[in-house]
């Protein structure tokens, strides 16, 4: 195209626009060169990130800084450790079931704290879910090309990672102390810890989803109070047997540790995992949902989780926990055997000069003496409570490290505990942790005190001096008041008569018949 010429011999403006600076038409490149913006070798491929994972990690770090995740995780970590340490006289701080004694106990007691941790995680998630609304960025973010699920995924991942990490750090803090106390090492605590961490993530995500659906400043406190009341209401320690067991187990909080020989049943772990995955899925879908139909569809994981997980849960609370067969396997040295859980106590109990062997030598002077010392494992499930124990086998001396408080006891205390009742176990069964009113009426505390006094005198007859038995608890003072006169009266008798009365006490204790203190005072005819 030639364009138009002006009167002064120059080309018109229109033609100048169409031509290049060197007179070539617009868009025409010099010989051998490609047009502007083009590569003579062809189109340049788009550059790809050298390390995609690095970019994703950067996004996650940004979300951790911007979200409430780090602060929530820190508060959960410090609050849990403070509760366990400062309130050491709580149920988790005493006896063989203390949270720093065994790995399973550490995992179990942390799940017990879910009464407080679960509502906190739910409220933290709700606060995080209100972030966009508080910053008035909801409409702005809706115009960005980034899919909503990506924004939700990084925020949810940051909060979930912070909570799960804090939960694991609390467990590791207790685990370090378990190692220091030479606890029984195993990995069967993993499912208990994993379900607990999943519970916190599910609660946080559900809180985020509910807050996104109901964006109100009242949503976080309302969720915290509602969750706390629900968990407390179904907890065994508060309302035992008031709700069906499967409803109780929808809460991730476990009951108190009953025994170091127990662990959580696989059906509890499996059912709670499915249920919590459903909660987490619903929370995440609610976080992305923008319409009413999407919110209804977000309930599908919750319904599926309940439909699959609830039938897996045990119908009876007696099936929530089972005997850990590996932990209760016997480990023996000579004639003394203990469970693998208390293998660390074997060196102090066994050996030629240990209290176990010495007790067997002293008991050999009685008719039908025992031939071994063996740790006993309480039956589970407990079943119906009865005030009197069944008859005991005569072939071995039973040892109960938990009931007799033998962990950490001195050699003299251990010897007295083994010789108590002339090498027999107690016949009066103590009350449960949460007894019924009928059980309280049947239990005879006076009989328990009299039996303790008789068992104390029997141990003193072998050792030569009267001292309290370890693990006597609040019955010690009353038992000592009865044991003193009985010990004096027994010592005043001829040696053969003393032996006959101690032998009669052993026979009656094995059969769990009669009043042991009366038999000790009057002999077999008592």
Protein backbone atom coordinates (compact mmCIF):
# COMPACT_ATOMS: atom_id res chain seq x y z
CA UNK A 1 0.00 0.00 0.00
CA UNK A 2 1.51 3.32 -1.09
CA UNK A 3 -0.48 5.71 1.11
CA UNK A 4 -1.19 9.39 0.35
CA UNK A 5 1.25 12.28 -0.36
CA UNK A 6 0.92 15.68 1.16
CA UNK A 7 1.63 18.99 -0.64
CA UNK A 8 5.14 19.24 0.84
CA UNK A 9 6.13 15.89 -0.65
CA UNK A 10 5.85 13.88 2.60
CA UNK A 11 3.68 10.87 3.12
CA UNK A 12 0.50 11.16 5.10
CA UNK A 13 0.17 10.20 8.74
CA UNK A 14 -1.96 7.18 7.91
CA UNK A 15 0.70 5.76 5.65
CA UNK A 16 3.42 6.46 8.20
CA UNK A 17 1.59 4.37 10.75
CA UNK A 18 1.46 1.50 8.31
CA UNK A 19 5.18 1.64 7.51
CA UNK A 20 8.13 0.90 9.70
CA UNK A 21 10.92 3.26 10.66
CA UNK A 22 12.98 2.13 7.63
CA UNK A 23 10.12 2.43 5.15
CA UNK A 24 9.08 -1.24 5.34
CA UNK A 25 5.44 -2.04 5.88
CA UNK A 26 4.48 -2.51 9.53
CA UNK A 27 5.16 -6.01 10.79
CA UNK A 28 7.80 -6.78 8.12
CA UNK A 29 11.20 -7.69 9.57
CA UNK A 30 14.58 -7.22 7.86
CA UNK A 31 15.90 -10.05 5.75
CA UNK A 32 16.85 -13.09 7.83
CA UNK A 33 15.09 -11.86 10.97
CA UNK A 34 11.80 -12.89 12.47
CA UNK A 35 9.06 -10.34 13.17
CA UNK A 36 9.14 -8.61 16.54
CA UNK A 37 8.16 -10.85 19.46
CA UNK A 38 8.84 -14.03 17.50
CA UNK A 39 11.72 -16.50 17.64
CA UNK A 40 13.26 -17.57 14.30
CA UNK A 41 13.64 -21.05 15.80
CA UNK A 42 9.89 -21.24 16.48
CA UNK A 43 7.70 -20.56 19.54
CA UNK A 44 9.53 -20.52 22.92
CA UNK A 45 8.12 -23.11 25.34
CA UNK A 46 6.85 -21.78 28.69
CA UNK A 47 9.33 -22.08 31.53
CA UNK A 48 8.43 -24.58 34.24
CA UNK A 49 9.39 -24.26 37.88
CA UNK A 50 12.62 -26.09 38.60
CA UNK A 51 11.25 -27.50 41.89
CA UNK A 52 7.44 -27.57 42.19
CA UNK A 53 7.64 -28.91 45.74
CA UNK A 54 9.61 -25.85 46.79
CA UNK A 55 6.80 -23.60 45.66
CA UNK A 56 4.20 -25.62 47.53
CA UNK A 57 6.36 -25.57 50.66
CA UNK A 58 6.59 -21.76 50.38
CA UNK A 59 2.79 -21.51 50.19
CA UNK A 60 2.45 -23.73 53.25
CA UNK A 61 4.95 -21.62 55.21
CA UNK A 62 3.06 -18.46 54.29
CA UNK A 63 -0.21 -20.00 55.44
CA UNK A 64 1.39 -21.10 58.71
CA UNK A 65 2.49 -17.50 59.35
CA UNK A 66 -0.79 -15.91 58.29
CA UNK A 67 -3.15 -18.41 59.90
CA UNK A 68 -3.80 -19.17 63.55
CA UNK A 69 -2.12 -22.57 63.15
CA UNK A 70 1.20 -21.85 64.85
CA UNK A 71 -0.36 -20.05 67.80
CA UNK A 72 -3.06 -22.69 68.21
CA UNK A 73 -0.51 -25.50 68.11
CA UNK A 74 1.71 -23.70 70.62
CA UNK A 75 -1.18 -23.12 73.02
CA UNK A 76 -2.26 -26.76 72.72
CA UNK A 77 1.30 -27.95 73.40
CA UNK A 78 1.90 -25.72 76.40
CA UNK A 79 -1.59 -26.21 77.82
CA UNK A 80 -1.42 -29.99 77.64
CA UNK A 81 2.04 -30.22 79.20
CA UNK A 82 1.06 -27.77 81.94
CA UNK A 83 -2.08 -29.76 82.73
CA UNK A 84 -0.19 -33.04 82.92
CA UNK A 85 2.74 -31.64 84.91
CA UNK A 86 1.18 -29.06 87.23
CA UNK A 87 -1.74 -31.29 88.16
CA UNK A 88 0.45 -34.31 88.85
CA UNK A 89 -2.01 -35.49 91.51
CA UNK A 90 -4.61 -36.02 88.81
CA UNK A 91 -5.58 -39.55 87.74
CA UNK A 92 -2.72 -39.57 85.20
CA UNK A 93 0.02 -38.87 87.75
CA UNK A 94 -0.04 -41.73 90.25
CA UNK A 95 0.56 -45.47 90.37
CA UNK A 96 1.73 -47.91 87.76
CA UNK A 97 -0.78 -46.39 85.28
CA UNK A 98 0.87 -42.94 85.37
CA UNK A 99 1.32 -41.32 81.97
CA UNK A 100 5.12 -41.37 82.28
CA UNK A 101 5.43 -45.08 83.19
CA UNK A 102 4.47 -46.93 80.00
CA UNK A 103 4.10 -46.05 76.30
CA UNK A 104 0.50 -47.20 76.08
CA UNK A 105 -0.38 -45.24 79.21
CA UNK A 106 1.18 -42.06 77.75
CA UNK A 107 -0.89 -42.41 74.56
CA UNK A 108 -4.03 -43.35 76.50
CA UNK A 109 -3.89 -40.45 78.98
CA UNK A 110 -3.36 -37.95 76.17
CA UNK A 111 -6.55 -39.25 74.59
CA UNK A 112 -8.22 -38.75 77.98
CA UNK A 113 -7.38 -35.04 77.64
CA UNK A 114 -9.48 -34.87 74.47
CA UNK A 115 -12.27 -33.69 76.77
CA UNK A 116 -10.50 -30.32 76.63
CA UNK A 117 -8.45 -30.55 73.42
CA UNK A 118 -11.27 -31.41 71.02
CA UNK A 119 -13.44 -28.36 71.79
CA UNK A 120 -10.34 -26.17 71.61
CA UNK A 121 -9.46 -27.49 68.14
CA UNK A 122 -13.04 -26.95 66.97
CA UNK A 123 -13.02 -23.34 68.17
CA UNK A 124 -9.59 -22.70 66.61
CA UNK A 125 -10.85 -23.98 63.28
CA UNK A 126 -13.89 -21.72 63.49
CA UNK A 127 -11.71 -18.67 64.16
CA UNK A 128 -9.59 -19.55 61.13
CA UNK A 129 -12.70 -20.06 59.01
CA UNK A 130 -13.77 -16.47 59.66
CA UNK A 131 -10.47 -14.98 58.44
CA UNK A 132 -11.64 -13.94 54.98
CA UNK A 133 -14.81 -12.38 56.32
CA UNK A 134 -12.95 -10.49 59.05
CA UNK A 135 -10.56 -9.05 56.45
CA UNK A 136 -13.48 -8.29 54.07
CA UNK A 137 -11.79 -10.19 51.23
CA UNK A 138 -14.53 -12.69 50.43
CA UNK A 139 -15.72 -10.97 47.24
CA UNK A 140 -12.18 -10.12 46.14
CA UNK A 141 -10.96 -13.69 46.47
CA UNK A 142 -14.03 -14.92 44.57
CA UNK A 143 -12.84 -12.99 41.48
CA UNK A 144 -9.38 -14.62 41.37
CA UNK A 145 -8.76 -17.45 38.89
CA UNK A 146 -7.38 -19.71 41.64
CA UNK A 147 -9.89 -22.52 42.41
CA UNK A 148 -11.55 -22.22 45.86
CA UNK A 149 -10.48 -25.73 46.84
CA UNK A 150 -6.81 -24.78 46.48
CA UNK A 151 -7.11 -21.81 48.84
CA UNK A 152 -9.06 -23.96 51.31
CA UNK A 153 -6.59 -26.84 51.04
CA UNK A 154 -3.52 -24.80 52.00
CA UNK A 155 -5.26 -23.08 54.92
CA UNK A 156 -6.69 -26.34 56.23
CA UNK A 157 -3.36 -28.11 55.77
CA UNK A 158 -1.51 -25.45 57.74
CA UNK A 159 -3.90 -25.61 60.70
CA UNK A 160 -4.12 -29.40 60.66
CA UNK A 161 -0.33 -29.76 60.49
CA UNK A 162 0.18 -27.41 63.43
CA UNK A 163 -2.36 -29.22 65.63
CA UNK A 164 -1.14 -32.71 64.76
CA UNK A 165 2.48 -31.70 65.37
CA UNK A 166 1.63 -30.21 68.76
CA UNK A 167 -0.25 -33.36 69.72
CA UNK A 168 2.70 -35.55 68.75
CA UNK A 169 5.12 -33.34 70.67
CA UNK A 170 3.05 -33.75 73.84
CA UNK A 171 3.24 -37.51 73.42
CA UNK A 172 6.97 -37.40 72.76
CA UNK A 173 7.44 -35.33 75.91
CA UNK A 174 5.81 -38.12 77.89
CA UNK A 175 7.70 -40.72 75.86
CA UNK A 176 11.06 -39.29 76.89
CA UNK A 177 10.04 -39.78 80.52
CA UNK A 178 8.83 -43.30 79.78
CA UNK A 179 12.29 -44.09 78.39
CA UNK A 180 13.83 -42.61 81.53
CA UNK A 181 11.60 -44.86 83.65
CA UNK A 182 12.61 -47.90 81.58
CA UNK A 183 9.10 -48.53 80.31
CA UNK A 184 8.21 -51.54 78.19
CA UNK A 185 9.17 -50.63 74.59
CA UNK A 186 6.75 -51.47 71.76
CA UNK A 187 4.83 -49.80 68.91
CA UNK A 188 1.27 -50.84 69.72
CA UNK A 189 0.56 -47.30 70.93
CA UNK A 190 0.71 -45.99 67.35
CA UNK A 191 -3.02 -46.40 66.53
CA UNK A 192 -4.01 -44.65 69.76
CA UNK A 193 -1.83 -41.63 68.96
CA UNK A 194 -2.78 -41.58 65.28
CA UNK A 195 -6.51 -41.48 66.06
CA UNK A 196 -5.92 -38.65 68.53
CA UNK A 197 -4.04 -36.56 65.97
CA UNK A 198 -6.73 -37.26 63.36
CA UNK A 199 -9.39 -36.16 65.85
CA UNK A 200 -7.80 -32.74 66.25
CA UNK A 201 -7.47 -32.26 62.49
CA UNK A 202 -11.08 -33.33 61.93
CA UNK A 203 -12.34 -30.96 64.64
CA UNK A 204 -10.37 -28.03 63.21
CA UNK A 205 -11.58 -28.63 59.66
CA UNK A 206 -15.17 -29.07 60.77
CA UNK A 207 -14.93 -25.83 62.74
CA UNK A 208 -13.57 -24.05 59.65
CA UNK A 209 -16.39 -25.39 57.49
CA UNK A 210 -19.12 -24.47 59.96
CA UNK A 211 -17.70 -20.97 60.41
CA UNK A 212 -17.59 -20.49 56.63
CA UNK A 213 -21.23 -21.63 56.46
CA UNK A 214 -22.34 -19.55 59.47
CA UNK A 215 -19.96 -16.56 59.40
CA UNK A 216 -20.70 -15.04 62.78
CA UNK A 217 -18.44 -13.88 65.60
CA UNK A 218 -20.50 -16.11 67.90
CA UNK A 219 -19.70 -19.28 65.96
CA UNK A 220 -16.31 -20.10 67.62
CA UNK A 221 -17.50 -19.78 71.25
CA UNK A 222 -20.77 -21.54 70.44
CA UNK A 223 -18.89 -24.47 68.88
CA UNK A 224 -16.45 -24.66 71.80
CA UNK A 225 -19.20 -24.73 74.43
CA UNK A 226 -21.39 -27.17 72.50
CA UNK A 227 -18.51 -29.57 71.84
CA UNK A 228 -17.29 -29.41 75.44
CA UNK A 229 -20.74 -30.11 76.85
CA UNK A 230 -21.28 -32.98 74.42
CA UNK A 231 -17.94 -34.65 75.17
CA UNK A 232 -18.35 -34.24 78.93
CA UNK A 233 -21.93 -35.48 78.84
CA UNK A 234 -21.04 -38.78 77.20
CA UNK A 235 -17.79 -39.32 79.13
CA UNK A 236 -17.70 -42.43 81.31
CA UNK A 237 -16.39 -40.49 84.29
CA UNK A 238 -19.50 -38.26 84.31
CA UNK A 239 -22.46 -40.23 83.00
CA UNK A 240 -21.49 -43.90 82.97
CA UNK A 241 -23.95 -46.14 81.08
CA UNK A 242 -26.33 -43.22 80.41
CA UNK A 243 -25.74 -43.34 76.65
CA UNK A 244 -25.20 -46.30 74.29
CA UNK A 245 -21.53 -47.18 74.08
CA UNK A 246 -21.37 -46.50 70.35
CA UNK A 247 -22.58 -42.95 70.95
CA UNK A 248 -19.98 -42.50 73.68
CA UNK A 249 -17.20 -43.60 71.32
CA UNK A 250 -18.09 -40.93 68.77
CA UNK A 251 -16.04 -38.74 71.09
CA UNK A 252 -12.28 -39.38 70.76
CA UNK A 253 -11.80 -38.99 74.52
CA UNK A 254 -11.02 -42.26 76.29
CA UNK A 255 -11.84 -43.28 79.85
CA UNK A 256 -9.19 -43.44 82.55
CA UNK A 257 -6.44 -46.04 82.22
CA UNK A 258 -7.71 -49.15 83.99
CA UNK A 259 -4.53 -51.20 83.85
CA UNK A 260 -1.12 -51.21 82.18
CA UNK A 261 -2.03 -54.63 80.75
CA UNK A 262 -4.84 -53.20 78.61
CA UNK A 263 -4.86 -51.51 75.24
CA UNK A 264 -7.57 -49.98 73.05
CA UNK A 265 -9.46 -52.57 71.00
CA UNK A 266 -8.88 -52.55 67.25
CA UNK A 267 -12.60 -52.05 66.61
CA UNK A 268 -12.51 -48.80 68.58
CA UNK A 269 -9.53 -47.53 66.59
CA UNK A 270 -11.03 -48.60 63.25
CA UNK A 271 -14.52 -47.25 63.92
CA UNK A 272 -13.27 -43.91 65.23
CA UNK A 273 -10.89 -43.53 62.28
CA UNK A 274 -13.72 -43.94 59.75
CA UNK A 275 -15.99 -41.61 61.72
CA UNK A 276 -13.32 -38.91 62.06
CA UNK A 277 -12.40 -39.14 58.37
CA UNK A 278 -16.05 -38.47 57.60
CA UNK A 279 -16.03 -35.43 59.90
CA UNK A 280 -12.85 -34.11 58.29
CA UNK A 281 -14.27 -34.62 54.78
CA UNK A 282 -17.48 -32.78 55.62
CA UNK A 283 -15.57 -29.91 57.18
CA UNK A 284 -13.34 -29.54 54.13
CA UNK A 285 -16.25 -29.63 51.68
CA UNK A 286 -18.15 -27.05 53.72
CA UNK A 287 -15.08 -24.85 53.54
CA UNK A 288 -15.31 -24.85 49.74
CA UNK A 289 -19.09 -24.81 49.39
CA UNK A 290 -20.65 -21.59 48.15
CA UNK A 291 -24.21 -22.68 47.47
CA UNK A 292 -26.90 -24.48 49.40
CA UNK A 293 -26.70 -27.56 47.20
CA UNK A 294 -22.96 -27.84 47.70
CA UNK A 295 -23.44 -27.60 51.47
CA UNK A 296 -25.95 -30.42 51.39
CA UNK A 297 -23.57 -32.57 49.38
CA UNK A 298 -20.83 -31.79 51.91
CA UNK A 299 -22.74 -33.86 54.47
CA UNK A 300 -22.21 -37.04 52.45
CA UNK A 301 -18.80 -37.92 54.04
CA UNK A 302 -20.31 -37.43 57.50
CA UNK A 303 -23.21 -39.76 56.73
CA UNK A 304 -20.94 -42.37 55.15
CA UNK A 305 -18.50 -42.18 58.06
CA UNK A 306 -21.31 -42.72 60.54
CA UNK A 307 -22.87 -45.52 58.51
CA UNK A 308 -19.58 -47.43 58.24
CA UNK A 309 -17.79 -46.43 61.44
CA UNK A 310 -20.54 -46.69 64.06
CA UNK A 311 -21.30 -50.40 63.43
CA UNK A 312 -17.58 -51.12 63.84
CA UNK A 313 -17.59 -49.71 67.37
CA UNK A 314 -18.24 -52.17 70.25
CA UNK A 315 -21.76 -52.18 71.63
CA UNK A 316 -20.54 -52.83 75.20
CA UNK A 317 -18.00 -50.66 77.02
CA UNK A 318 -16.39 -53.84 78.39
CA UNK A 319 -15.15 -54.46 74.83
CA UNK A 320 -13.57 -51.05 74.39
CA UNK A 321 -10.28 -52.34 75.84
CA UNK A 322 -8.58 -55.72 75.60
CA UNK A 323 -5.70 -57.52 77.27
CA UNK A 324 -2.40 -56.83 75.51
CA UNK A 325 -1.19 -60.41 75.03
CA UNK A 326 2.39 -59.40 74.26
CA UNK A 327 2.60 -57.17 77.34
CA UNK A 328 1.29 -59.90 79.65
CA UNK A 329 3.65 -62.65 78.44
CA UNK A 330 5.72 -63.99 81.36
CA UNK A 331 9.46 -63.49 81.66
CA UNK A 332 11.11 -65.76 84.24
CA UNK A 333 14.37 -65.93 86.14
CA UNK A 334 14.58 -69.07 88.23
CA UNK A 335 11.32 -69.54 90.14
CA UNK A 336 10.25 -65.90 89.79
CA UNK A 337 8.17 -64.75 86.82
CA UNK A 338 6.84 -61.31 85.90
CA UNK A 339 5.03 -59.95 82.86
CA UNK A 340 6.94 -58.29 80.06
CA UNK A 341 5.40 -54.98 81.10
CA UNK A 342 7.25 -55.15 84.44
CA UNK A 343 10.37 -56.90 83.17
CA UNK A 344 12.42 -54.06 84.60
CA UNK A 345 11.34 -55.23 88.10
CA UNK A 346 12.60 -58.77 87.58
CA UNK A 347 16.17 -58.03 88.60
CA UNK A 348 15.02 -56.58 91.94
CA UNK A 349 12.60 -59.43 92.64
CA UNK A 350 14.50 -62.51 91.43
CA UNK A 351 18.03 -63.81 91.91
CA UNK A 352 19.41 -66.05 94.66
CA UNK A 353 19.36 -63.20 97.17
CA UNK A 354 16.24 -61.49 95.85
CA UNK A 355 13.05 -61.09 97.91
CA UNK A 356 11.21 -63.60 95.69
CA UNK A 357 13.57 -66.50 96.37
CA UNK A 358 13.86 -65.56 100.04
CA UNK A 359 10.08 -65.55 100.42
CA UNK A 360 9.88 -69.05 98.91
CA UNK A 361 12.53 -70.31 101.37
CA UNK A 362 10.62 -68.86 104.32
CA UNK A 363 7.28 -70.26 103.14
CA UNK A 364 8.82 -73.73 102.70
CA UNK A 365 8.30 -74.35 106.45
CA UNK A 366 4.50 -74.39 106.03
CA UNK A 367 2.37 -77.33 104.82
CA UNK A 368 1.88 -77.43 101.03
CA UNK A 369 4.20 -74.47 100.34
CA UNK A 370 4.26 -72.61 97.01
CA UNK A 371 6.98 -73.39 94.50
CA UNK A 372 7.09 -70.14 92.50
CA UNK A 373 6.42 -66.41 92.56
CA UNK A 374 4.36 -65.22 89.62
CA UNK A 375 2.86 -61.91 88.63
CA UNK A 376 -0.87 -62.16 88.09
CA UNK A 377 -2.91 -60.35 85.43
CA UNK A 378 -6.41 -59.19 86.41
CA UNK A 379 -9.20 -60.67 84.32
CA UNK A 380 -10.80 -58.49 81.67
CA UNK A 381 -13.54 -57.61 81.12
CA UNK A 382 -14.21 -57.21 84.81
CA UNK A 383 -17.79 -58.41 84.58
CA UNK A 384 -20.03 -58.20 87.62
CA UNK A 385 -18.27 -56.89 90.71
CA UNK A 386 -18.25 -59.28 93.66
CA UNK A 387 -17.05 -58.41 97.17
CA UNK A 388 -15.19 -61.72 97.58
CA UNK A 389 -12.47 -63.15 95.33
CA UNK A 390 -12.65 -66.79 94.16
CA UNK A 391 -10.33 -69.46 95.68
CA UNK A 392 -6.65 -69.10 94.82
CA UNK A 393 -4.17 -71.70 93.55
CA UNK A 394 -1.66 -72.88 96.17
CA UNK A 395 1.21 -73.58 93.77
CA UNK A 396 2.57 -70.04 93.46
CA UNK A 397 2.68 -66.72 95.31
CA UNK A 398 0.72 -64.07 93.39
CA UNK A 399 2.34 -60.67 92.87
CA UNK A 400 0.48 -57.56 91.70
CA UNK A 401 2.82 -54.62 91.06
CA UNK A 402 -0.09 -52.24 90.57
CA UNK A 403 -2.29 -53.14 93.56
CA UNK A 404 0.64 -53.71 95.92
CA UNK A 405 2.55 -50.61 94.79
CA UNK A 406 5.76 -52.58 94.29
CA UNK A 407 7.26 -50.48 91.50
CA UNK A 408 10.14 -48.62 93.12
CA UNK A 409 9.65 -50.34 96.49
CA UNK A 410 12.64 -51.26 98.65
CA UNK A 411 13.77 -54.85 99.07
CA UNK A 412 12.26 -55.02 102.57
CA UNK A 413 8.90 -53.67 101.33
CA UNK A 414 8.85 -56.12 98.44
CA UNK A 415 9.62 -59.05 100.75
CA UNK A 416 6.77 -58.09 103.08
CA UNK A 417 4.36 -57.74 100.16
CA UNK A 418 5.25 -61.24 98.87
CA UNK A 419 4.90 -62.76 102.37
CA UNK A 420 1.59 -60.97 103.12
CA UNK A 421 -1.13 -63.42 104.04
CA UNK A 422 1.51 -66.18 104.18
CA UNK A 423 2.05 -65.93 100.42
CA UNK A 424 -1.55 -65.43 99.32
CA UNK A 425 -3.49 -62.68 97.60
CA UNK A 426 -6.23 -60.59 99.24
CA UNK A 427 -9.76 -61.96 99.29
CA UNK A 428 -11.71 -58.75 99.78
CA UNK A 429 -12.16 -57.14 96.37
CA UNK A 430 -11.79 -53.32 96.42
CA UNK A 431 -14.48 -51.14 94.96
CA UNK A 432 -14.33 -50.06 91.34
CA UNK A 433 -13.32 -46.53 90.44
CA UNK A 434 -16.96 -45.61 89.87
CA UNK A 435 -19.04 -48.03 91.99
CA UNK A 436 -22.79 -48.24 91.85
CA UNK A 437 -24.93 -47.53 94.88
CA UNK A 438 -25.62 -51.25 95.27
CA UNK A 439 -21.90 -52.05 95.22
CA UNK A 440 -21.28 -49.46 97.93
CA UNK A 441 -23.86 -51.14 100.14
CA UNK A 442 -22.39 -54.62 99.64
CA UNK A 443 -18.76 -53.60 100.20
CA UNK A 444 -17.63 -54.11 103.82
CA UNK A 445 -14.74 -51.73 104.62
CA UNK A 446 -14.35 -53.20 108.13
CA UNK A 447 -13.75 -56.64 106.68
CA UNK A 448 -11.13 -55.20 104.33
CA UNK A 449 -9.32 -53.55 107.27
CA UNK A 450 -9.38 -56.75 109.32
CA UNK A 451 -7.99 -58.75 106.40
CA UNK A 452 -5.21 -56.19 105.86
CA UNK A 453 -4.29 -56.39 109.55
CA UNK A 454 -4.12 -60.20 109.43
CA UNK A 455 -2.01 -60.17 106.26
CA UNK A 456 0.36 -57.65 107.87
CA UNK A 457 0.81 -59.85 110.97
CA UNK A 458 1.44 -62.93 108.81
CA UNK A 459 4.22 -61.14 106.92
CA UNK A 460 5.70 -59.94 110.22
CA UNK A 461 5.82 -63.53 111.55
CA UNK A 462 8.27 -64.46 108.79
CA UNK A 463 10.43 -61.31 108.97
CA UNK A 464 10.40 -60.92 112.76
CA UNK A 465 9.16 -57.32 112.99
CA UNK A 466 5.81 -55.65 112.44
CA UNK A 467 5.75 -53.02 109.69
CA UNK A 468 2.97 -51.75 107.38
CA UNK A 469 2.57 -53.34 103.96
CA UNK A 470 3.18 -51.22 100.85
CA UNK A 471 0.03 -50.11 99.06
CA UNK A 472 -2.13 -50.08 102.21
CA UNK A 473 -3.52 -46.67 101.32
CA UNK A 474 -6.02 -44.98 103.59
CA UNK A 475 -6.72 -48.25 105.44
CA UNK A 476 -3.23 -48.35 106.95
CA UNK A 477 -4.00 -46.51 110.21
CA UNK A 478 -7.05 -48.63 111.04
CA UNK A 479 -5.22 -51.84 110.07
CA UNK A 480 -2.18 -50.95 112.20
CA UNK A 481 -4.44 -50.43 115.22
CA UNK A 482 -5.69 -54.03 114.88
CA UNK A 483 -2.38 -55.56 113.83
CA UNK A 484 -0.46 -54.45 116.94
CA UNK A 485 -2.48 -56.44 119.55
CA UNK A 486 -2.77 -59.45 117.21
CA UNK A 487 1.01 -59.47 116.68
CA UNK A 488 1.66 -59.30 120.43
CA UNK A 489 -0.77 -62.15 121.10
CA UNK A 490 0.75 -64.33 118.37
CA UNK A 491 4.28 -63.79 119.61
CA UNK A 492 3.26 -64.89 123.11
CA UNK A 493 2.33 -68.38 121.87
CA UNK A 494 4.73 -71.34 121.60
CA UNK A 495 6.57 -71.60 118.25
CA UNK A 496 4.61 -74.67 117.08
CA UNK A 497 1.29 -72.97 117.87
CA UNK A 498 2.39 -69.87 116.00
CA UNK A 499 3.21 -71.96 112.93
CA UNK A 500 -0.14 -73.76 113.10
CA UNK A 501 -2.06 -70.50 113.21
CA UNK A 502 -0.12 -68.97 110.31
CA UNK A 503 -0.68 -72.19 108.33
CA UNK A 504 -4.41 -72.02 109.17
CA UNK A 505 -4.48 -68.41 107.98
CA UNK A 506 -2.85 -69.44 104.69
CA UNK A 507 -5.38 -72.26 104.17
CA UNK A 508 -8.33 -69.95 104.86
CA UNK A 509 -6.89 -67.24 102.62
CA UNK A 510 -6.41 -69.66 99.72
CA UNK A 511 -10.06 -70.70 100.04
CA UNK A 512 -11.19 -67.10 100.76
CA UNK A 513 -13.27 -68.33 103.70
CA UNK A 514 -13.64 -67.01 107.22
CA UNK A 515 -12.26 -63.98 109.04
CA UNK A 516 -8.46 -64.09 108.81
CA UNK A 517 -7.84 -61.99 111.92
CA UNK A 518 -10.07 -64.26 114.01
CA UNK A 519 -8.31 -67.35 112.67
CA UNK A 520 -4.95 -65.81 113.52
CA UNK A 521 -6.11 -65.19 117.10
CA UNK A 522 -7.94 -68.47 117.72
CA UNK A 523 -6.44 -70.92 115.21
CA UNK A 524 -8.31 -73.14 112.75
CA UNK A 525 -11.28 -73.47 115.12
CA UNK A 526 -11.74 -69.67 115.07
